[in-house]
Amino acid sequence: MAWPVLVQSAWRHALVRYVVVGVLNTGFAYAVYASALGLGCGYPLASLIALIAGTCLSFKTQGRLVFRNMRNSLFGRYVASLALVYLSNVGVIAIFVRLNFGPFAAGAMALPINIAVGFALQRFFVFGGPRDKLE
């Protein structure tokens, strides 16, 4: 299979799009954070600006590119899903820490679980049911 055909085939799956778009959104949010620091903001304000900008971009890109749903009325659900992912993340990290993993390793090990939780919440709670094949 040629490379472009492989990419096109993978892009048909919502979970692949979710991960790719998530990585790009994370890069954008970090760029906003770094830019705000470069403009003289302290890290708390830079982090807040990046959080707001990243959340807004992520809502639009996840809705459009991943779940093909552009309804702005879903923004409240999207923010609620992020809060639930945060709570899940903290809980999963706590479990790994209690199993004697350090917080850096625990955070890394929590990533796949929280990607799955975020994907499920956005797919079924925020943007609606399945619109294409779920791997």
C-alpha atoms as a PDB file:
ATOM      1  CA  MET A   1       0.000   0.000   0.000  1.00  0.00           C
ATOM      2  CA  ALA A   2       1.392   3.426  -0.929  1.00  0.00           C
ATOM      3  CA  TRP A   3       2.047   5.947   1.844  1.00  0.00           C
ATOM      4  CA  PRO A   4      -0.759   8.380   0.848  1.00  0.00           C
ATOM      5  CA  VAL A   5      -3.245   5.507   0.657  1.00  0.00           C
ATOM      6  CA  LEU A   6      -2.173   4.355   4.123  1.00  0.00           C
ATOM      7  CA  VAL A   7      -2.628   7.868   5.513  1.00  0.00           C
ATOM      8  CA  GLN A   8      -6.042   8.227   3.862  1.00  0.00           C
ATOM      9  CA  SER A   9      -7.109   4.864   5.229  1.00  0.00           C
ATOM     10  CA  ALA A  10      -5.989   5.725   8.764  1.00  0.00           C
ATOM     11  CA  TRP A  11      -7.632   9.175   8.606  1.00  0.00           C
ATOM     12  CA  ARG A  12     -11.023   7.494   8.113  1.00  0.00           C
ATOM     13  CA  HIS A  13     -10.950   6.351  11.736  1.00  0.00           C
ATOM     14  CA  ALA A  14     -12.116   8.838  14.361  1.00  0.00           C
ATOM     15  CA  LEU A  15      -9.631   7.623  16.976  1.00  0.00           C
ATOM     16  CA  VAL A  16      -6.679   8.291  14.642  1.00  0.00           C
ATOM     17  CA  ARG A  17      -8.021  11.757  13.851  1.00  0.00           C
ATOM     18  CA  TYR A  18      -8.578  12.364  17.585  1.00  0.00           C
ATOM     19  CA  VAL A  19      -4.954  11.594  18.448  1.00  0.00           C
ATOM     20  CA  VAL A  20      -3.465  13.571  15.534  1.00  0.00           C
ATOM     21  CA  VAL A  21      -5.681  16.608  16.132  1.00  0.00           C
ATOM     22  CA  GLY A  22      -4.986  16.375  19.880  1.00  0.00           C
ATOM     23  CA  VAL A  23      -1.230  16.478  19.308  1.00  0.00           C
ATOM     24  CA  LEU A  24      -1.589  19.500  17.013  1.00  0.00           C
ATOM     25  CA  ASN A  25      -3.868  21.268  19.507  1.00  0.00           C
ATOM     26  CA  THR A  26      -1.389  20.606  22.310  1.00  0.00           C
ATOM     27  CA  GLY A  27       1.402  22.084  20.198  1.00  0.00           C
ATOM     28  CA  PHE A  28      -0.728  25.165  19.535  1.00  0.00           C
ATOM     29  CA  ALA A  29      -1.531  25.623  23.232  1.00  0.00           C
ATOM     30  CA  TYR A  30       2.147  25.349  24.140  1.00  0.00           C
ATOM     31  CA  ALA A  31       3.052  27.886  21.447  1.00  0.00           C
ATOM     32  CA  VAL A  32       0.487  30.301  22.909  1.00  0.00           C
ATOM     33  CA  TYR A  33       1.919  29.685  26.394  1.00  0.00           C
ATOM     34  CA  ALA A  34       5.494  30.282  25.215  1.00  0.00           C
ATOM     35  CA  SER A  35       4.437  33.388  23.264  1.00  0.00           C
ATOM     36  CA  ALA A  36       2.667  34.836  26.294  1.00  0.00           C
ATOM     37  CA  LEU A  37       5.783  34.213  28.388  1.00  0.00           C
ATOM     38  CA  GLY A  38       7.862  35.885  25.681  1.00  0.00           C
ATOM     39  CA  LEU A  39       5.572  38.925  25.814  1.00  0.00           C
ATOM     40  CA  GLY A  40       6.259  39.268  29.534  1.00  0.00           C
ATOM     41  CA  CYS A  41       3.301  37.466  31.102  1.00  0.00           C
ATOM     42  CA  GLY A  42       3.948  35.447  34.234  1.00  0.00           C
ATOM     43  CA  TYR A  43       3.442  31.719  33.926  1.00  0.00           C
ATOM     44  CA  PRO A  44       0.016  31.694  35.692  1.00  0.00           C
ATOM     45  CA  LEU A  45      -1.424  34.198  33.206  1.00  0.00           C
ATOM     46  CA  ALA A  46       0.379  32.572  30.265  1.00  0.00           C
ATOM     47  CA  SER A  47      -1.062  29.228  31.300  1.00  0.00           C
ATOM     48  CA  LEU A  48      -4.582  30.667  31.552  1.00  0.00           C
ATOM     49  CA  ILE A  49      -4.313  32.303  28.123  1.00  0.00           C
ATOM     50  CA  ALA A  50      -3.033  29.044  26.628  1.00  0.00           C
ATOM     51  CA  LEU A  51      -5.810  27.065  28.330  1.00  0.00           C
ATOM     52  CA  ILE A  52      -8.525  29.344  26.949  1.00  0.00           C
ATOM     53  CA  ALA A  53      -7.047  29.514  23.437  1.00  0.00           C
ATOM     54  CA  GLY A  54      -6.301  25.787  23.393  1.00  0.00           C
ATOM     55  CA  THR A  55      -9.770  24.851  24.616  1.00  0.00           C
ATOM     56  CA  CYS A  56     -11.475  27.003  21.990  1.00  0.00           C
ATOM     57  CA  LEU A  57      -9.307  25.691  19.149  1.00  0.00           C
ATOM     58  CA  SER A  58      -9.622  22.122  20.363  1.00  0.00           C
ATOM     59  CA  PHE A  59     -13.422  22.347  20.533  1.00  0.00           C
ATOM     60  CA  LYS A  60     -13.587  23.556  16.941  1.00  0.00           C
ATOM     61  CA  THR A  61     -11.004  21.121  15.522  1.00  0.00           C
ATOM     62  CA  GLN A  62     -12.226  18.060  17.419  1.00  0.00           C
ATOM     63  CA  GLY A  63     -15.800  18.882  16.442  1.00  0.00           C
ATOM     64  CA  ARG A  64     -15.065  19.526  12.783  1.00  0.00           C
ATOM     65  CA  LEU A  65     -12.182  17.198  11.933  1.00  0.00           C
ATOM     66  CA  VAL A  66     -12.751  14.311  14.313  1.00  0.00           C
ATOM     67  CA  PHE A  67     -16.466  14.036  14.984  1.00  0.00           C
ATOM     68  CA  ARG A  68     -17.828  16.092  12.080  1.00  0.00           C
ATOM     69  CA  ASN A  69     -20.133  18.076  14.322  1.00  0.00           C
ATOM     70  CA  MET A  70     -19.912  21.878  14.294  1.00  0.00           C
ATOM     71  CA  ARG A  71     -22.686  22.762  16.772  1.00  0.00           C
ATOM     72  CA  ASN A  72     -21.424  25.587  18.995  1.00  0.00           C
ATOM     73  CA  SER A  73     -24.158  24.749  21.510  1.00  0.00           C
ATOM     74  CA  LEU A  74     -22.039  21.763  22.593  1.00  0.00           C
ATOM     75  CA  PHE A  75     -19.266  23.920  24.080  1.00  0.00           C
ATOM     76  CA  GLY A  76     -20.576  23.538  27.649  1.00  0.00           C
ATOM     77  CA  ARG A  77     -20.532  19.758  27.306  1.00  0.00           C
ATOM     78  CA  TYR A  78     -17.025  19.981  25.876  1.00  0.00           C
ATOM     79  CA  VAL A  79     -15.769  21.951  28.881  1.00  0.00           C
ATOM     80  CA  ALA A  80     -17.508  19.456  31.219  1.00  0.00           C
ATOM     81  CA  SER A  81     -15.785  16.582  29.406  1.00  0.00           C
ATOM     82  CA  LEU A  82     -12.407  18.277  29.923  1.00  0.00           C
ATOM     83  CA  ALA A  83     -13.160  18.557  33.651  1.00  0.00           C
ATOM     84  CA  LEU A  84     -13.994  14.845  33.754  1.00  0.00           C
ATOM     85  CA  VAL A  85     -10.793  13.973  31.881  1.00  0.00           C
ATOM     86  CA  TYR A  86      -8.840  16.057  34.385  1.00  0.00           C
ATOM     87  CA  LEU A  87     -10.429  14.200  37.314  1.00  0.00           C
ATOM     88  CA  SER A  88      -9.765  10.882  35.593  1.00  0.00           C
ATOM     89  CA  ASN A  89      -6.156  11.869  34.993  1.00  0.00           C
ATOM     90  CA  VAL A  90      -5.568  12.809  38.620  1.00  0.00           C
ATOM     91  CA  GLY A  91      -7.249   9.605  39.786  1.00  0.00           C
ATOM     92  CA  VAL A  92      -5.261   7.353  37.464  1.00  0.00           C
ATOM     93  CA  ILE A  93      -2.003   9.064  38.423  1.00  0.00           C
ATOM     94  CA  ALA A  94      -2.896   8.609  42.114  1.00  0.00           C
ATOM     95  CA  ILE A  95      -3.419   4.887  41.554  1.00  0.00           C
ATOM     96  CA  PHE A  96      -0.028   4.512  39.884  1.00  0.00           C
ATOM     97  CA  VAL A  97       1.653   6.585  42.604  1.00  0.00           C
ATOM     98  CA  ARG A  98       0.100   4.298  45.242  1.00  0.00           C
ATOM     99  CA  LEU A  99       1.614   1.380  43.290  1.00  0.00           C
ATOM    100  CA  ASN A 100       5.016   3.021  43.952  1.00  0.00           C
ATOM    101  CA  PHE A 101       5.551   4.649  40.566  1.00  0.00           C
ATOM    102  CA  GLY A 102       6.945   8.171  40.629  1.00  0.00           C
ATOM    103  CA  PRO A 103       4.710  11.031  39.493  1.00  0.00           C
ATOM    104  CA  PHE A 104       6.571  11.425  36.173  1.00  0.00           C
ATOM    105  CA  ALA A 105       6.161   7.760  35.265  1.00  0.00           C
ATOM    106  CA  ALA A 106       2.600   7.722  36.612  1.00  0.00           C
ATOM    107  CA  GLY A 107       1.692  10.692  34.421  1.00  0.00           C
ATOM    108  CA  ALA A 108       3.138   9.005  31.352  1.00  0.00           C
ATOM    109  CA  MET A 109       1.366   5.725  32.113  1.00  0.00           C
ATOM    110  CA  ALA A 110      -1.927   7.579  32.574  1.00  0.00           C
ATOM    111  CA  LEU A 111      -1.802   9.073  29.070  1.00  0.00           C
ATOM    112  CA  PRO A 112      -3.306   6.146  27.111  1.00  0.00           C
ATOM    113  CA  ILE A 113      -6.092   5.736  29.647  1.00  0.00           C
ATOM    114  CA  ASN A 114      -6.971   9.406  29.559  1.00  0.00           C
ATOM    115  CA  ILE A 115      -6.821   9.561  25.768  1.00  0.00           C
ATOM    116  CA  ALA A 116      -9.407   6.748  25.740  1.00  0.00           C
ATOM    117  CA  VAL A 117     -11.553   8.479  28.371  1.00  0.00           C
ATOM    118  CA  GLY A 118     -11.422  11.788  26.482  1.00  0.00           C
ATOM    119  CA  PHE A 119     -12.255  10.120  23.182  1.00  0.00           C
ATOM    120  CA  ALA A 120     -15.234   8.246  24.653  1.00  0.00           C
ATOM    121  CA  LEU A 121     -16.591  11.349  26.386  1.00  0.00           C
ATOM    122  CA  GLN A 122     -16.295  13.475  23.278  1.00  0.00           C
ATOM    123  CA  ARG A 123     -17.696  10.802  20.986  1.00  0.00           C
ATOM    124  CA  PHE A 124     -20.744   9.891  23.049  1.00  0.00           C
ATOM    125  CA  PHE A 125     -21.368  12.772  25.491  1.00  0.00           C
ATOM    126  CA  VAL A 126     -20.237  15.869  23.613  1.00  0.00           C
ATOM    127  CA  PHE A 127     -20.508  15.363  19.866  1.00  0.00           C
ATOM    128  CA  GLY A 128     -23.002  12.507  19.654  1.00  0.00           C
ATOM    129  CA  GLY A 129     -22.886   8.851  18.739  1.00  0.00           C
ATOM    130  CA  PRO A 130     -20.800   7.059  16.151  1.00  0.00           C
ATOM    131  CA  ARG A 131     -20.536   8.756  12.775  1.00  0.00           C
ATOM    132  CA  ASP A 132     -17.920   6.440  11.336  1.00  0.00           C
ATOM    133  CA  LYS A 133     -16.087   3.239  12.082  1.00  0.00           C
ATOM    134  CA  LEU A 134     -14.686   2.866  15.605  1.00  0.00           C
ATOM    135  CA  GLU A 135     -11.492   0.806  15.673  1.00  0.00           C
END
